[in-house]
């Protein structure tokens, strides 16, 4: 658990970046619809929030690296290092989404170009998430180098994206499908936690058992999943912006807690080749 708390900059970077990507996908879905034409000015104003979250996430990543210079140096091995690929793809996604918002908010975005740009934004976001996931598939870290890591990262994209996207846009456009999608992702998260609790017992090195890395594993996950359940109830039942935003905070808190557990489970076995 202590190891997870020491990686708080990475916790916030990964969760906020995943939240921003998922939310911007929801925005792309809404903006793609012709029915949204009359509400585009309001949607563009709200679109600034996930961009702010992404910016805060990148600031957190720089805090982890120590200085901005190290962030630029980490781009030296693009194509060879997954860390370099993650930063490069993240910066590209940020630029694509940011310039889309800037051109749209000043009213200079042609409708035809808008659709193409939205597709490119969605694809670049997917590439960013794929690169982020691959950073943690390390041969010498058996607690991370498995499908559970991928499920956890991608489910955060869905959980945070649907919750925040719904809270921001539902008052403007009916998005009744999103709470159901959130519910499915929540059920998948429960299944991932149950499966991981069994697999941790079989992972060990010469000096430690993976199951002992986070002694509070069960209780922390119970708290996390309760946050998701309460958030799902609010998303389904609440019609007020305050209730929806509180649901987003519950999801964010739950995913931050889950990511702290993730980093707390770091252990190495053997040597990298």
Protein backbone atom coordinates (compact mmCIF):
# COMPACT_ATOMS: atom_id res chain seq x y z
CA UNK A 1 0.00 0.00 0.00
CA UNK A 2 2.83 2.39 0.86
CA UNK A 3 4.35 1.82 -2.57
CA UNK A 4 1.08 2.88 -4.15
CA UNK A 5 0.94 6.10 -2.12
CA UNK A 6 4.48 6.95 -3.21
CA UNK A 7 3.30 6.92 -6.84
CA UNK A 8 0.48 9.43 -6.44
CA UNK A 9 1.64 11.54 -9.43
CA UNK A 10 1.34 8.47 -11.65
CA UNK A 11 -1.97 7.56 -10.03
CA UNK A 12 -3.43 10.94 -10.94
CA UNK A 13 -1.82 11.01 -14.38
CA UNK A 14 -3.20 7.66 -15.45
CA UNK A 15 -6.69 8.12 -13.96
CA UNK A 16 -7.11 11.70 -15.22
CA UNK A 17 -5.78 10.85 -18.69
CA UNK A 18 -8.10 7.87 -18.95
CA UNK A 19 -11.01 9.99 -17.69
CA UNK A 20 -10.27 12.68 -20.27
CA UNK A 21 -10.04 10.22 -23.16
CA UNK A 22 -13.27 8.45 -22.21
CA UNK A 23 -15.14 11.74 -21.74
CA UNK A 24 -13.90 13.18 -25.03
CA UNK A 25 -15.12 10.01 -26.76
CA UNK A 26 -18.58 10.74 -25.34
CA UNK A 27 -18.32 14.31 -26.61
CA UNK A 28 -17.28 13.01 -30.02
CA UNK A 29 -20.31 10.72 -30.09
CA UNK A 30 -22.67 13.60 -29.25
CA UNK A 31 -21.05 16.05 -31.67
CA UNK A 32 -21.27 13.48 -34.47
CA UNK A 33 -25.05 13.58 -34.28
CA UNK A 34 -26.80 16.15 -36.48
CA UNK A 35 -29.34 16.76 -33.71
CA UNK A 36 -26.58 18.41 -31.66
CA UNK A 37 -26.17 21.32 -34.10
CA UNK A 38 -28.33 23.70 -32.08
CA UNK A 39 -26.47 22.95 -28.83
CA UNK A 40 -22.91 22.93 -30.13
CA UNK A 41 -21.88 26.18 -28.48
CA UNK A 42 -22.83 24.80 -25.03
CA UNK A 43 -21.16 21.48 -25.76
CA UNK A 44 -17.92 23.18 -26.82
CA UNK A 45 -17.83 25.16 -23.57
CA UNK A 46 -18.23 21.97 -21.53
CA UNK A 47 -15.58 20.23 -23.63
CA UNK A 48 -12.98 22.42 -21.98
CA UNK A 49 -13.28 20.48 -18.69
CA UNK A 50 -11.87 17.11 -19.90
CA UNK A 51 -9.06 19.03 -21.60
CA UNK A 52 -8.26 20.67 -18.25
CA UNK A 53 -8.24 17.25 -16.59
CA UNK A 54 -5.85 15.97 -19.23
CA UNK A 55 -3.59 18.97 -18.67
CA UNK A 56 -3.57 18.37 -14.91
CA UNK A 57 -2.72 14.74 -15.60
CA UNK A 58 0.30 15.72 -17.67
CA UNK A 59 1.44 18.13 -14.96
CA UNK A 60 1.25 15.22 -12.50
CA UNK A 61 3.36 13.09 -14.84
CA UNK A 62 6.01 15.82 -14.96
CA UNK A 63 6.06 15.88 -11.15
CA UNK A 64 6.78 12.15 -11.28
CA UNK A 65 9.67 12.68 -13.71
CA UNK A 66 11.08 15.50 -11.59
CA UNK A 67 11.58 18.26 -14.17
CA UNK A 68 10.06 19.27 -17.53
CA UNK A 69 13.44 18.59 -19.18
CA UNK A 70 13.15 14.91 -18.31
CA UNK A 71 9.72 14.85 -19.95
CA UNK A 72 11.27 16.09 -23.20
CA UNK A 73 14.19 13.67 -22.85
CA UNK A 74 11.78 10.79 -22.48
CA UNK A 75 10.74 11.38 -26.11
CA UNK A 76 14.21 10.39 -27.34
CA UNK A 77 13.22 6.77 -27.94
CA UNK A 78 9.88 7.05 -29.67
CA UNK A 79 9.23 3.77 -31.48
CA UNK A 80 11.57 1.82 -29.18
CA UNK A 81 10.41 2.65 -25.64
CA UNK A 82 6.80 2.25 -24.51
CA UNK A 83 7.27 5.17 -22.11
CA UNK A 84 8.35 7.40 -25.01
CA UNK A 85 5.46 6.12 -27.09
CA UNK A 86 3.04 6.86 -24.25
CA UNK A 87 4.19 10.46 -23.86
CA UNK A 88 4.32 11.08 -27.60
CA UNK A 89 0.87 9.60 -28.27
CA UNK A 90 -0.55 11.46 -25.27
CA UNK A 91 0.89 14.78 -26.45
CA UNK A 92 -0.48 14.12 -29.95
CA UNK A 93 -3.94 13.35 -28.59
CA UNK A 94 -3.84 16.47 -26.42
CA UNK A 95 -2.89 18.59 -29.44
CA UNK A 96 -5.59 17.09 -31.68
CA UNK A 97 -8.33 17.48 -29.07
CA UNK A 98 -7.10 20.91 -27.97
CA UNK A 99 -6.92 22.39 -31.46
CA UNK A 100 -10.34 20.93 -32.28
CA UNK A 101 -11.82 22.67 -29.25
CA UNK A 102 -10.01 25.95 -29.98
CA UNK A 103 -11.16 26.13 -33.61
CA UNK A 104 -14.70 25.04 -32.70
CA UNK A 105 -15.14 27.43 -29.78
CA UNK A 106 -14.33 30.46 -31.97
CA UNK A 107 -16.78 29.22 -34.59
CA UNK A 108 -14.29 28.43 -37.35
CA UNK A 109 -14.77 24.65 -37.55
CA UNK A 110 -16.44 23.52 -40.84
CA UNK A 111 -19.01 20.75 -40.28
CA UNK A 112 -17.34 18.40 -42.77
CA UNK A 113 -13.90 18.84 -41.25
CA UNK A 114 -15.40 18.50 -37.76
CA UNK A 115 -16.49 14.92 -38.38
CA UNK A 116 -13.11 13.89 -39.80
CA UNK A 117 -11.33 15.59 -36.89
CA UNK A 118 -13.54 13.80 -34.36
CA UNK A 119 -12.67 10.42 -35.89
CA UNK A 120 -8.96 11.25 -35.76
CA UNK A 121 -9.36 12.38 -32.14
CA UNK A 122 -11.07 9.13 -31.15
CA UNK A 123 -8.40 7.02 -32.88
CA UNK A 124 -5.52 9.00 -31.37
CA UNK A 125 -7.12 8.60 -27.94
CA UNK A 126 -7.33 4.84 -28.44
CA UNK A 127 -3.64 4.75 -29.44
CA UNK A 128 -2.75 6.78 -26.34
CA UNK A 129 -4.61 4.35 -24.09
CA UNK A 130 -2.99 1.35 -25.80
CA UNK A 131 0.49 2.81 -25.28
CA UNK A 132 -0.25 3.66 -21.65
CA UNK A 133 -1.41 0.11 -21.01
CA UNK A 134 1.69 -1.39 -22.64
CA UNK A 135 4.03 0.62 -20.41
CA UNK A 136 3.05 -1.65 -17.51
CA UNK A 137 3.41 -5.00 -19.27
CA UNK A 138 6.90 -5.68 -17.95
CA UNK A 139 8.31 -9.23 -17.99
CA UNK A 140 9.91 -8.86 -14.57
CA UNK A 141 6.75 -7.51 -12.88
CA UNK A 142 4.36 -10.49 -12.85
CA UNK A 143 1.68 -8.64 -10.89
CA UNK A 144 1.34 -6.19 -13.80
CA UNK A 145 2.31 -8.27 -16.82
CA UNK A 146 -1.11 -9.85 -17.39
CA UNK A 147 -4.54 -9.18 -18.86
CA UNK A 148 -5.81 -7.81 -15.54
CA UNK A 149 -3.77 -4.63 -16.05
CA UNK A 150 -5.36 -4.07 -19.46
CA UNK A 151 -8.84 -4.66 -18.08
CA UNK A 152 -8.27 -2.26 -15.20
CA UNK A 153 -6.94 0.53 -17.41
CA UNK A 154 -9.58 0.21 -20.12
CA UNK A 155 -12.41 -0.10 -17.60
CA UNK A 156 -11.31 3.18 -16.01
CA UNK A 157 -11.69 4.81 -19.43
CA UNK A 158 -15.26 3.51 -19.65
CA UNK A 159 -16.22 4.20 -16.02
CA UNK A 160 -14.83 7.72 -15.83
CA UNK A 161 -15.78 8.58 -19.41
CA UNK A 162 -19.40 7.52 -19.13
CA UNK A 163 -19.85 9.08 -15.67
CA UNK A 164 -18.32 12.46 -16.48
CA UNK A 165 -19.70 12.55 -20.01
CA UNK A 166 -23.19 11.79 -18.72
CA UNK A 167 -22.98 14.34 -15.92
CA UNK A 168 -21.89 17.09 -18.31
CA UNK A 169 -24.02 16.35 -21.36
CA UNK A 170 -27.19 14.63 -20.16
CA UNK A 171 -28.86 17.97 -19.30
CA UNK A 172 -28.27 18.95 -22.96
CA UNK A 173 -28.72 15.66 -24.82
CA UNK A 174 -30.49 12.48 -23.62
CA UNK A 175 -27.78 9.85 -23.11
CA UNK A 176 -29.77 7.07 -21.46
CA UNK A 177 -27.39 4.39 -22.74
CA UNK A 178 -24.43 5.66 -20.71
CA UNK A 179 -25.66 4.59 -17.22
CA UNK A 180 -26.23 1.10 -18.62
CA UNK A 181 -22.74 1.09 -20.11
CA UNK A 182 -21.39 2.26 -16.76
CA UNK A 183 -23.26 -0.59 -15.04
CA UNK A 184 -21.74 -3.17 -17.39
CA UNK A 185 -18.25 -1.77 -16.75
CA UNK A 186 -18.93 -1.88 -13.00
CA UNK A 187 -19.91 -5.55 -13.20
CA UNK A 188 -16.74 -6.23 -15.22
CA UNK A 189 -14.71 -4.43 -12.53
CA UNK A 190 -16.18 -6.71 -9.86
CA UNK A 191 -15.24 -9.76 -11.95
CA UNK A 192 -11.69 -8.43 -12.42
CA UNK A 193 -11.24 -7.90 -8.66
CA UNK A 194 -12.50 -11.42 -7.88
CA UNK A 195 -10.25 -12.97 -10.53
CA UNK A 196 -7.22 -10.96 -9.40
CA UNK A 197 -7.73 -11.98 -5.77
CA UNK A 198 -7.31 -15.62 -6.82
CA UNK A 199 -4.34 -15.06 -9.13
CA UNK A 200 -2.32 -13.06 -6.59
CA UNK A 201 -2.01 -16.14 -4.38
CA UNK A 202 -0.01 -17.89 -7.12
CA UNK A 203 2.44 -15.02 -7.76
CA UNK A 204 5.57 -14.90 -5.64
CA UNK A 205 9.29 -14.30 -5.71
CA UNK A 206 12.05 -15.79 -3.59
CA UNK A 207 11.42 -13.23 -0.86
CA UNK A 208 7.74 -12.21 -0.99
CA UNK A 209 4.20 -13.21 -1.85
CA UNK A 210 2.17 -10.88 -4.05
CA UNK A 211 -0.87 -11.32 -1.84
CA UNK A 212 1.05 -9.72 1.06
CA UNK A 213 2.01 -6.55 -0.81
CA UNK A 214 -1.32 -4.87 -0.01
CA UNK A 215 -2.66 -6.39 3.23
CA UNK A 216 -5.79 -4.21 2.99
CA UNK A 217 -6.51 -5.49 -0.55
CA UNK A 218 -9.98 -6.90 0.22
CA UNK A 219 -11.27 -3.95 2.25
CA UNK A 220 -9.88 -1.33 -0.13
CA UNK A 221 -11.56 -3.04 -3.06
CA UNK A 222 -14.83 -3.30 -1.15
CA UNK A 223 -14.72 0.46 -0.55
CA UNK A 224 -13.85 1.06 -4.22
CA UNK A 225 -16.69 -1.11 -5.51
CA UNK A 226 -19.17 0.46 -3.09
CA UNK A 227 -18.22 3.86 -4.55
CA UNK A 228 -18.99 2.53 -8.03
CA UNK A 229 -22.33 1.05 -6.93
CA UNK A 230 -23.43 4.31 -5.30
CA UNK A 231 -22.29 6.24 -8.37
CA UNK A 232 -24.31 3.93 -10.61
CA UNK A 233 -27.43 4.51 -8.51
CA UNK A 234 -26.97 8.27 -8.74
CA UNK A 235 -26.41 8.15 -12.50
CA UNK A 236 -29.59 6.12 -12.96
CA UNK A 237 -31.82 7.96 -10.48
CA UNK A 238 -30.62 11.55 -10.14
CA UNK A 239 -31.87 14.27 -12.47
CA UNK A 240 -29.91 17.06 -10.81
CA UNK A 241 -26.46 18.24 -11.89
CA UNK A 242 -25.22 18.18 -8.27
CA UNK A 243 -26.16 14.52 -7.86
CA UNK A 244 -24.51 13.60 -11.15
CA UNK A 245 -21.32 15.45 -10.27
CA UNK A 246 -21.24 13.71 -6.88
CA UNK A 247 -21.46 10.42 -8.78
CA UNK A 248 -18.42 11.49 -10.82
CA UNK A 249 -16.51 12.23 -7.61
CA UNK A 250 -17.40 8.78 -6.26
CA UNK A 251 -16.13 7.14 -9.45
CA UNK A 252 -12.98 9.22 -9.40
CA UNK A 253 -12.31 8.36 -5.76
CA UNK A 254 -12.92 4.68 -6.43
CA UNK A 255 -10.62 4.60 -9.45
CA UNK A 256 -7.88 6.51 -7.61
CA UNK A 257 -8.12 3.97 -4.80
CA UNK A 258 -7.95 1.12 -7.32
CA UNK A 259 -4.90 2.67 -8.95
CA UNK A 260 -3.16 3.04 -5.57
CA UNK A 261 -3.74 -0.69 -5.07
CA UNK A 262 -2.33 -1.31 -8.55
CA UNK A 263 0.93 0.50 -7.83
CA UNK A 264 1.09 -1.06 -4.38
CA UNK A 265 1.18 -4.49 -6.05
CA UNK A 266 4.46 -3.75 -7.82
CA UNK A 267 7.02 -6.52 -7.36
CA UNK A 268 9.90 -7.79 -9.45
CA UNK A 269 10.99 -11.32 -10.26
CA UNK A 270 14.22 -12.17 -12.09
CA UNK A 271 16.12 -9.79 -14.34
CA UNK A 272 15.12 -7.88 -17.48
CA UNK A 273 16.83 -8.97 -20.69
